[in-house]
Amino acid sequence: MSARSKARKRALDVLFESEVRGLPVGGTLPDRIEDNDPPVNEFTVALVEGVAKNIHAIDDLLSAHSVGWSLDRMPAVDRNVLRIGAYELLYDDQVPDVVAVSEAVAMARDLSTDESPAFVNGLLARLLQLKPTLGI
């Protein structure tokens, strides 16, 4: 697993933990940085902070383009994988679009249900298709 893949997984852990604990998006990041076990690298911090900064726009897009699934109905892992994928796809120019989608699908495959990879792929592919019209 590449260093960036590990950083994405760590970002997912932080986002998931924050949600489970009822904290704001990324609310456990300062604790994870302070604990430093395992160390939190700069890419993880950038992902968590980027998702937190853009959470309303990301969640609005995911809600608007998710067929048959509200954000609340999605498994928490899928919801946060999608948030990371959407952030990288729409806001991080350093990550190629295909990598953002591929990494999100891989996390869903490793950490969620059998149906999750196809769902994540389909929703992020839709956002990729719409990206030129979103004005982001």
N, C-alpha and C. Protein backbone atom coordinates (compact mmCIF):
# COMPACT_ATOMS: atom_id res chain seq x y z
N MET A 1 0.84 -1.17 0.00
CA MET A 1 0.00 0.00 0.00
C MET A 1 0.90 1.24 0.00
N SER A 2 0.60 2.17 -0.88
CA SER A 2 1.41 3.38 -1.00
C SER A 2 1.21 4.29 0.21
N ALA A 3 2.13 5.22 0.38
CA ALA A 3 2.04 6.17 1.50
C ALA A 3 0.77 7.01 1.41
N ARG A 4 0.41 7.39 0.21
CA ARG A 4 -0.81 8.20 0.05
C ARG A 4 -2.06 7.37 0.32
N SER A 5 -2.05 6.10 -0.05
CA SER A 5 -3.19 5.22 0.26
C SER A 5 -3.34 5.07 1.77
N LYS A 6 -2.22 4.93 2.46
CA LYS A 6 -2.25 4.84 3.92
C LYS A 6 -2.77 6.14 4.53
N ALA A 7 -2.38 7.26 3.95
CA ALA A 7 -2.84 8.56 4.44
C ALA A 7 -4.35 8.71 4.24
N ARG A 8 -4.85 8.23 3.11
CA ARG A 8 -6.29 8.27 2.87
C ARG A 8 -7.03 7.40 3.89
N LYS A 9 -6.51 6.24 4.15
CA LYS A 9 -7.11 5.34 5.15
C LYS A 9 -7.12 6.01 6.52
N ARG A 10 -6.05 6.67 6.86
CA ARG A 10 -5.95 7.37 8.14
C ARG A 10 -6.96 8.52 8.18
N ALA A 11 -7.13 9.24 7.08
CA ALA A 11 -8.13 10.30 7.00
C ALA A 11 -9.53 9.72 7.20
N LEU A 12 -9.78 8.58 6.58
CA LEU A 12 -11.06 7.91 6.76
C LEU A 12 -11.28 7.55 8.23
N ASP A 13 -10.25 7.05 8.88
CA ASP A 13 -10.35 6.71 10.30
C ASP A 13 -10.74 7.94 11.12
N VAL A 14 -10.10 9.07 10.86
CA VAL A 14 -10.38 10.30 11.60
C VAL A 14 -11.80 10.77 11.34
N LEU A 15 -12.23 10.79 10.08
CA LEU A 15 -13.58 11.23 9.75
C LEU A 15 -14.63 10.31 10.36
N PHE A 16 -14.39 9.01 10.28
CA PHE A 16 -15.32 8.02 10.83
C PHE A 16 -15.40 8.17 12.35
N GLU A 17 -14.25 8.26 13.01
CA GLU A 17 -14.23 8.40 14.47
C GLU A 17 -14.96 9.67 14.90
N SER A 18 -14.73 10.75 14.20
CA SER A 18 -15.40 12.01 14.54
C SER A 18 -16.91 11.85 14.46
N GLU A 19 -17.36 11.21 13.40
CA GLU A 19 -18.80 11.01 13.22
C GLU A 19 -19.38 10.11 14.30
N VAL A 20 -18.73 9.01 14.59
CA VAL A 20 -19.21 8.07 15.60
C VAL A 20 -19.28 8.74 16.98
N ARG A 21 -18.32 9.61 17.26
CA ARG A 21 -18.29 10.29 18.55
C ARG A 21 -19.19 11.53 18.59
N GLY A 22 -19.88 11.82 17.48
CA GLY A 22 -20.80 12.95 17.44
C GLY A 22 -20.10 14.30 17.42
N LEU A 23 -18.88 14.32 16.93
CA LEU A 23 -18.11 15.55 16.85
C LEU A 23 -18.23 16.16 15.45
N PRO A 24 -17.85 17.41 15.30
CA PRO A 24 -17.84 18.00 13.96
C PRO A 24 -16.92 17.19 13.02
N VAL A 25 -17.13 17.36 11.73
CA VAL A 25 -16.33 16.65 10.74
C VAL A 25 -14.85 16.91 11.03
N GLY A 26 -14.09 15.84 11.21
CA GLY A 26 -12.67 15.96 11.48
C GLY A 26 -12.34 16.40 12.90
N GLY A 27 -13.33 16.39 13.79
CA GLY A 27 -13.15 16.88 15.14
C GLY A 27 -12.13 16.13 15.98
N THR A 28 -11.81 14.91 15.58
CA THR A 28 -10.80 14.14 16.33
C THR A 28 -9.39 14.35 15.80
N LEU A 29 -9.24 15.12 14.73
CA LEU A 29 -7.91 15.32 14.15
C LEU A 29 -6.89 15.89 15.14
N PRO A 30 -7.23 16.92 15.91
CA PRO A 30 -6.23 17.44 16.87
C PRO A 30 -5.76 16.37 17.86
N ASP A 31 -6.67 15.52 18.32
CA ASP A 31 -6.29 14.44 19.24
C ASP A 31 -5.35 13.44 18.57
N ARG A 32 -5.64 13.10 17.31
CA ARG A 32 -4.80 12.14 16.59
C ARG A 32 -3.42 12.72 16.34
N ILE A 33 -3.35 14.01 16.04
CA ILE A 33 -2.05 14.66 15.83
C ILE A 33 -1.26 14.67 17.13
N GLU A 34 -1.94 15.00 18.22
CA GLU A 34 -1.28 15.06 19.53
C GLU A 34 -0.80 13.68 19.97
N ASP A 35 -1.65 12.65 19.77
CA ASP A 35 -1.26 11.28 20.15
C ASP A 35 -0.05 10.80 19.35
N ASN A 36 -0.08 11.14 18.05
CA ASN A 36 1.03 10.78 17.16
C ASN A 36 1.34 9.29 17.13
N ASP A 37 0.31 8.45 17.38
CA ASP A 37 0.51 7.00 17.37
C ASP A 37 -0.64 6.32 16.65
N PRO A 38 -0.51 6.02 15.40
CA PRO A 38 0.63 6.29 14.52
C PRO A 38 0.65 7.77 14.11
N PRO A 39 1.80 8.21 13.62
CA PRO A 39 1.92 9.61 13.21
C PRO A 39 0.91 9.98 12.11
N VAL A 40 0.46 11.19 12.16
CA VAL A 40 -0.48 11.70 11.16
C VAL A 40 0.31 12.56 10.18
N ASN A 41 0.36 12.11 8.92
CA ASN A 41 1.17 12.87 7.95
C ASN A 41 0.40 14.05 7.35
N GLU A 42 1.11 14.88 6.63
CA GLU A 42 0.55 16.12 6.08
C GLU A 42 -0.59 15.87 5.11
N PHE A 43 -0.51 14.79 4.34
CA PHE A 43 -1.57 14.50 3.37
C PHE A 43 -2.86 14.13 4.10
N THR A 44 -2.77 13.38 5.18
CA THR A 44 -3.95 13.05 5.97
C THR A 44 -4.58 14.32 6.51
N VAL A 45 -3.77 15.20 7.07
CA VAL A 45 -4.27 16.47 7.61
C VAL A 45 -4.95 17.27 6.50
N ALA A 46 -4.33 17.35 5.34
CA ALA A 46 -4.91 18.11 4.22
C ALA A 46 -6.25 17.52 3.79
N LEU A 47 -6.35 16.20 3.75
CA LEU A 47 -7.62 15.56 3.37
C LEU A 47 -8.71 15.87 4.39
N VAL A 48 -8.42 15.66 5.66
CA VAL A 48 -9.43 15.88 6.69
C VAL A 48 -9.84 17.35 6.72
N GLU A 49 -8.88 18.24 6.70
CA GLU A 49 -9.19 19.67 6.72
C GLU A 49 -9.94 20.10 5.46
N GLY A 50 -9.57 19.52 4.31
CA GLY A 50 -10.26 19.85 3.06
C GLY A 50 -11.70 19.39 3.07
N VAL A 51 -11.94 18.17 3.55
CA VAL A 51 -13.31 17.68 3.65
C VAL A 51 -14.09 18.56 4.62
N ALA A 52 -13.52 18.85 5.79
CA ALA A 52 -14.22 19.67 6.78
C ALA A 52 -14.57 21.05 6.23
N LYS A 53 -13.63 21.66 5.53
CA LYS A 53 -13.85 23.01 4.98
C LYS A 53 -14.97 23.03 3.93
N ASN A 54 -15.08 21.94 3.17
CA ASN A 54 -16.03 21.89 2.05
C ASN A 54 -17.20 20.94 2.30
N ILE A 55 -17.43 20.56 3.55
CA ILE A 55 -18.40 19.51 3.85
C ILE A 55 -19.80 19.82 3.34
N HIS A 56 -20.25 21.04 3.45
CA HIS A 56 -21.61 21.35 3.02
C HIS A 56 -21.77 21.18 1.51
N ALA A 57 -20.83 21.69 0.76
CA ALA A 57 -20.90 21.55 -0.70
C ALA A 57 -20.77 20.08 -1.11
N ILE A 58 -19.84 19.37 -0.47
CA ILE A 58 -19.64 17.95 -0.79
C ILE A 58 -20.90 17.15 -0.48
N ASP A 59 -21.44 17.33 0.72
CA ASP A 59 -22.64 16.59 1.10
C ASP A 59 -23.84 16.94 0.21
N ASP A 60 -23.96 18.21 -0.16
CA ASP A 60 -25.05 18.61 -1.07
C ASP A 60 -24.92 17.88 -2.41
N LEU A 61 -23.71 17.82 -2.95
CA LEU A 61 -23.51 17.13 -4.22
C LEU A 61 -23.77 15.64 -4.11
N LEU A 62 -23.26 15.04 -3.05
CA LEU A 62 -23.49 13.60 -2.86
C LEU A 62 -24.98 13.31 -2.71
N SER A 63 -25.67 14.13 -1.96
CA SER A 63 -27.12 13.93 -1.77
C SER A 63 -27.88 14.11 -3.08
N ALA A 64 -27.51 15.12 -3.83
CA ALA A 64 -28.23 15.43 -5.07
C ALA A 64 -28.05 14.35 -6.13
N HIS A 65 -26.92 13.65 -6.11
CA HIS A 65 -26.62 12.73 -7.21
C HIS A 65 -26.60 11.27 -6.79
N SER A 66 -26.94 11.01 -5.56
CA SER A 66 -27.03 9.63 -5.10
C SER A 66 -28.44 9.13 -5.33
N VAL A 67 -28.58 8.18 -6.23
CA VAL A 67 -29.89 7.67 -6.60
C VAL A 67 -30.36 6.65 -5.55
N GLY A 68 -31.46 6.98 -4.89
CA GLY A 68 -32.07 6.05 -3.96
C GLY A 68 -31.44 5.97 -2.58
N TRP A 69 -30.42 6.78 -2.31
CA TRP A 69 -29.75 6.74 -1.01
C TRP A 69 -29.54 8.14 -0.50
N SER A 70 -30.09 8.44 0.66
CA SER A 70 -29.77 9.70 1.32
C SER A 70 -28.45 9.52 2.05
N LEU A 71 -27.79 10.60 2.39
CA LEU A 71 -26.53 10.50 3.14
C LEU A 71 -26.74 9.75 4.46
N ASP A 72 -27.84 10.03 5.13
CA ASP A 72 -28.10 9.37 6.41
C ASP A 72 -28.29 7.87 6.29
N ARG A 73 -28.76 7.42 5.15
CA ARG A 73 -29.01 6.00 4.93
C ARG A 73 -27.76 5.22 4.54
N MET A 74 -26.76 5.94 4.05
CA MET A 74 -25.51 5.27 3.62
C MET A 74 -24.76 4.76 4.84
N PRO A 75 -24.05 3.64 4.68
CA PRO A 75 -23.16 3.23 5.77
C PRO A 75 -22.14 4.35 6.02
N ALA A 76 -21.78 4.55 7.28
CA ALA A 76 -20.86 5.63 7.65
C ALA A 76 -19.53 5.53 6.91
N VAL A 77 -19.05 4.31 6.70
CA VAL A 77 -17.79 4.14 5.97
C VAL A 77 -17.95 4.66 4.54
N ASP A 78 -19.03 4.27 3.87
CA ASP A 78 -19.25 4.72 2.50
C ASP A 78 -19.38 6.24 2.43
N ARG A 79 -20.13 6.80 3.34
CA ARG A 79 -20.34 8.25 3.37
C ARG A 79 -18.99 8.99 3.46
N ASN A 80 -18.12 8.51 4.31
CA ASN A 80 -16.83 9.19 4.49
C ASN A 80 -15.84 8.87 3.39
N VAL A 81 -15.90 7.68 2.82
CA VAL A 81 -15.10 7.37 1.63
C VAL A 81 -15.51 8.31 0.49
N LEU A 82 -16.81 8.47 0.32
CA LEU A 82 -17.30 9.37 -0.73
C LEU A 82 -16.89 10.81 -0.48
N ARG A 83 -16.89 11.23 0.75
CA ARG A 83 -16.47 12.60 1.06
C ARG A 83 -15.01 12.81 0.68
N ILE A 84 -14.16 11.85 1.02
CA ILE A 84 -12.74 11.97 0.66
C ILE A 84 -12.59 11.96 -0.86
N GLY A 85 -13.26 11.01 -1.52
CA GLY A 85 -13.17 10.92 -2.97
C GLY A 85 -13.67 12.18 -3.66
N ALA A 86 -14.80 12.70 -3.19
CA ALA A 86 -15.35 13.92 -3.79
C ALA A 86 -14.43 15.11 -3.55
N TYR A 87 -13.86 15.19 -2.35
CA TYR A 87 -12.91 16.28 -2.07
C TYR A 87 -11.73 16.22 -3.04
N GLU A 88 -11.13 15.05 -3.17
CA GLU A 88 -9.96 14.93 -4.06
C GLU A 88 -10.35 15.21 -5.51
N LEU A 89 -11.50 14.71 -5.91
CA LEU A 89 -11.96 14.87 -7.28
C LEU A 89 -12.25 16.33 -7.63
N LEU A 90 -12.87 17.04 -6.70
CA LEU A 90 -13.36 18.37 -7.00
C LEU A 90 -12.48 19.52 -6.50
N TYR A 91 -11.69 19.28 -5.47
CA TYR A 91 -10.97 20.38 -4.83
C TYR A 91 -9.45 20.24 -4.82
N ASP A 92 -8.93 19.07 -5.07
CA ASP A 92 -7.48 18.86 -4.97
C ASP A 92 -6.89 18.64 -6.37
N ASP A 93 -6.29 19.69 -6.91
CA ASP A 93 -5.73 19.63 -8.27
C ASP A 93 -4.49 18.75 -8.35
N GLN A 94 -3.91 18.39 -7.22
CA GLN A 94 -2.69 17.56 -7.22
C GLN A 94 -2.99 16.08 -7.43
N VAL A 95 -4.25 15.68 -7.28
CA VAL A 95 -4.62 14.27 -7.42
C VAL A 95 -5.37 14.10 -8.75
N PRO A 96 -4.86 13.26 -9.63
CA PRO A 96 -5.58 13.01 -10.88
C PRO A 96 -6.97 12.42 -10.60
N ASP A 97 -7.94 12.80 -11.41
CA ASP A 97 -9.31 12.35 -11.20
C ASP A 97 -9.43 10.83 -11.11
N VAL A 98 -8.76 10.12 -12.02
CA VAL A 98 -8.87 8.66 -12.00
C VAL A 98 -8.29 8.06 -10.72
N VAL A 99 -7.28 8.70 -10.17
CA VAL A 99 -6.69 8.22 -8.91
C VAL A 99 -7.66 8.45 -7.76
N ALA A 100 -8.31 9.59 -7.73
CA ALA A 100 -9.28 9.89 -6.67
C ALA A 100 -10.39 8.84 -6.66
N VAL A 101 -10.92 8.53 -7.82
CA VAL A 101 -12.00 7.54 -7.92
C VAL A 101 -11.48 6.15 -7.57
N SER A 102 -10.36 5.78 -8.13
CA SER A 102 -9.78 4.45 -7.90
C SER A 102 -9.46 4.21 -6.43
N GLU A 103 -8.88 5.20 -5.77
CA GLU A 103 -8.54 5.06 -4.35
C GLU A 103 -9.79 4.94 -3.48
N ALA A 104 -10.82 5.70 -3.80
CA ALA A 104 -12.08 5.62 -3.04
C ALA A 104 -12.72 4.24 -3.22
N VAL A 105 -12.73 3.75 -4.44
CA VAL A 105 -13.30 2.41 -4.70
C VAL A 105 -12.50 1.35 -3.96
N ALA A 106 -11.19 1.47 -3.94
CA ALA A 106 -10.35 0.49 -3.24
C ALA A 106 -10.64 0.51 -1.73
N MET A 107 -10.81 1.69 -1.15
CA MET A 107 -11.15 1.75 0.28
C MET A 107 -12.51 1.11 0.55
N ALA A 108 -13.47 1.39 -0.32
CA ALA A 108 -14.80 0.79 -0.15
C ALA A 108 -14.72 -0.73 -0.28
N ARG A 109 -13.91 -1.21 -1.20
CA ARG A 109 -13.74 -2.66 -1.39
C ARG A 109 -13.14 -3.31 -0.14
N ASP A 110 -12.15 -2.64 0.44
CA ASP A 110 -11.45 -3.20 1.59
C ASP A 110 -12.22 -3.06 2.90
N LEU A 111 -13.05 -2.04 3.01
CA LEU A 111 -13.60 -1.70 4.32
C LEU A 111 -15.12 -1.71 4.44
N SER A 112 -15.83 -1.94 3.35
CA SER A 112 -17.29 -1.83 3.44
C SER A 112 -17.97 -3.07 2.84
N THR A 113 -19.20 -2.91 2.42
CA THR A 113 -20.01 -4.02 1.95
C THR A 113 -19.63 -4.44 0.53
N ASP A 114 -20.14 -5.57 0.10
CA ASP A 114 -19.86 -6.05 -1.25
C ASP A 114 -20.41 -5.11 -2.32
N GLU A 115 -21.49 -4.42 -2.02
CA GLU A 115 -22.10 -3.50 -2.98
C GLU A 115 -21.44 -2.13 -3.00
N SER A 116 -20.68 -1.81 -1.97
CA SER A 116 -20.13 -0.47 -1.82
C SER A 116 -19.19 -0.02 -2.93
N PRO A 117 -18.27 -0.87 -3.40
CA PRO A 117 -17.37 -0.39 -4.46
C PRO A 117 -18.10 0.10 -5.71
N ALA A 118 -19.12 -0.62 -6.14
CA ALA A 118 -19.88 -0.21 -7.32
C ALA A 118 -20.63 1.09 -7.06
N PHE A 119 -21.20 1.21 -5.87
CA PHE A 119 -21.93 2.42 -5.50
C PHE A 119 -20.99 3.63 -5.48
N VAL A 120 -19.85 3.50 -4.81
CA VAL A 120 -18.87 4.58 -4.73
C VAL A 120 -18.37 4.95 -6.13
N ASN A 121 -18.06 3.95 -6.94
CA ASN A 121 -17.59 4.20 -8.30
C ASN A 121 -18.65 4.95 -9.11
N GLY A 122 -19.88 4.50 -9.03
CA GLY A 122 -20.95 5.13 -9.80
C GLY A 122 -21.19 6.58 -9.41
N LEU A 123 -21.22 6.85 -8.12
CA LEU A 123 -21.49 8.21 -7.65
C LEU A 123 -20.33 9.15 -7.96
N LEU A 124 -19.11 8.70 -7.73
CA LEU A 124 -17.96 9.55 -8.06
C LEU A 124 -17.81 9.73 -9.57
N ALA A 125 -18.14 8.71 -10.35
CA ALA A 125 -18.11 8.85 -11.81
C ALA A 125 -19.11 9.91 -12.26
N ARG A 126 -20.25 9.95 -11.60
CA ARG A 126 -21.26 10.96 -11.94
C ARG A 126 -20.74 12.37 -11.62
N LEU A 127 -20.09 12.51 -10.45
CA LEU A 127 -19.52 13.81 -10.10
C LEU A 127 -18.41 14.21 -11.08
N LEU A 128 -17.63 13.23 -11.50
CA LEU A 128 -16.57 13.50 -12.49
C LEU A 128 -17.19 13.99 -13.80
N GLN A 129 -18.27 13.36 -14.21
CA GLN A 129 -18.97 13.76 -15.43
C GLN A 129 -19.50 15.20 -15.31
N LEU A 130 -19.99 15.55 -14.12
CA LEU A 130 -20.56 16.87 -13.91
C LEU A 130 -19.53 17.94 -13.57
N LYS A 131 -18.32 17.53 -13.23
CA LYS A 131 -17.29 18.44 -12.74
C LYS A 131 -17.14 19.72 -13.58
N PRO A 132 -17.11 19.65 -14.90
CA PRO A 132 -16.94 20.89 -15.69
C PRO A 132 -18.10 21.88 -15.51
N THR A 133 -19.27 21.40 -15.10
CA THR A 133 -20.43 22.28 -14.97
C THR A 133 -20.66 22.77 -13.54
N LEU A 134 -19.87 22.28 -12.59
CA LEU A 134 -20.11 22.60 -11.18
C LEU A 134 -19.52 23.93 -10.76
N GLY A 135 -18.59 24.45 -11.51
CA GLY A 135 -18.00 25.74 -11.18
C GLY A 135 -17.13 25.72 -9.94
N ILE A 136 -16.56 24.59 -9.66
CA ILE A 136 -15.67 24.46 -8.49
C ILE A 136 -14.25 24.58 -8.94
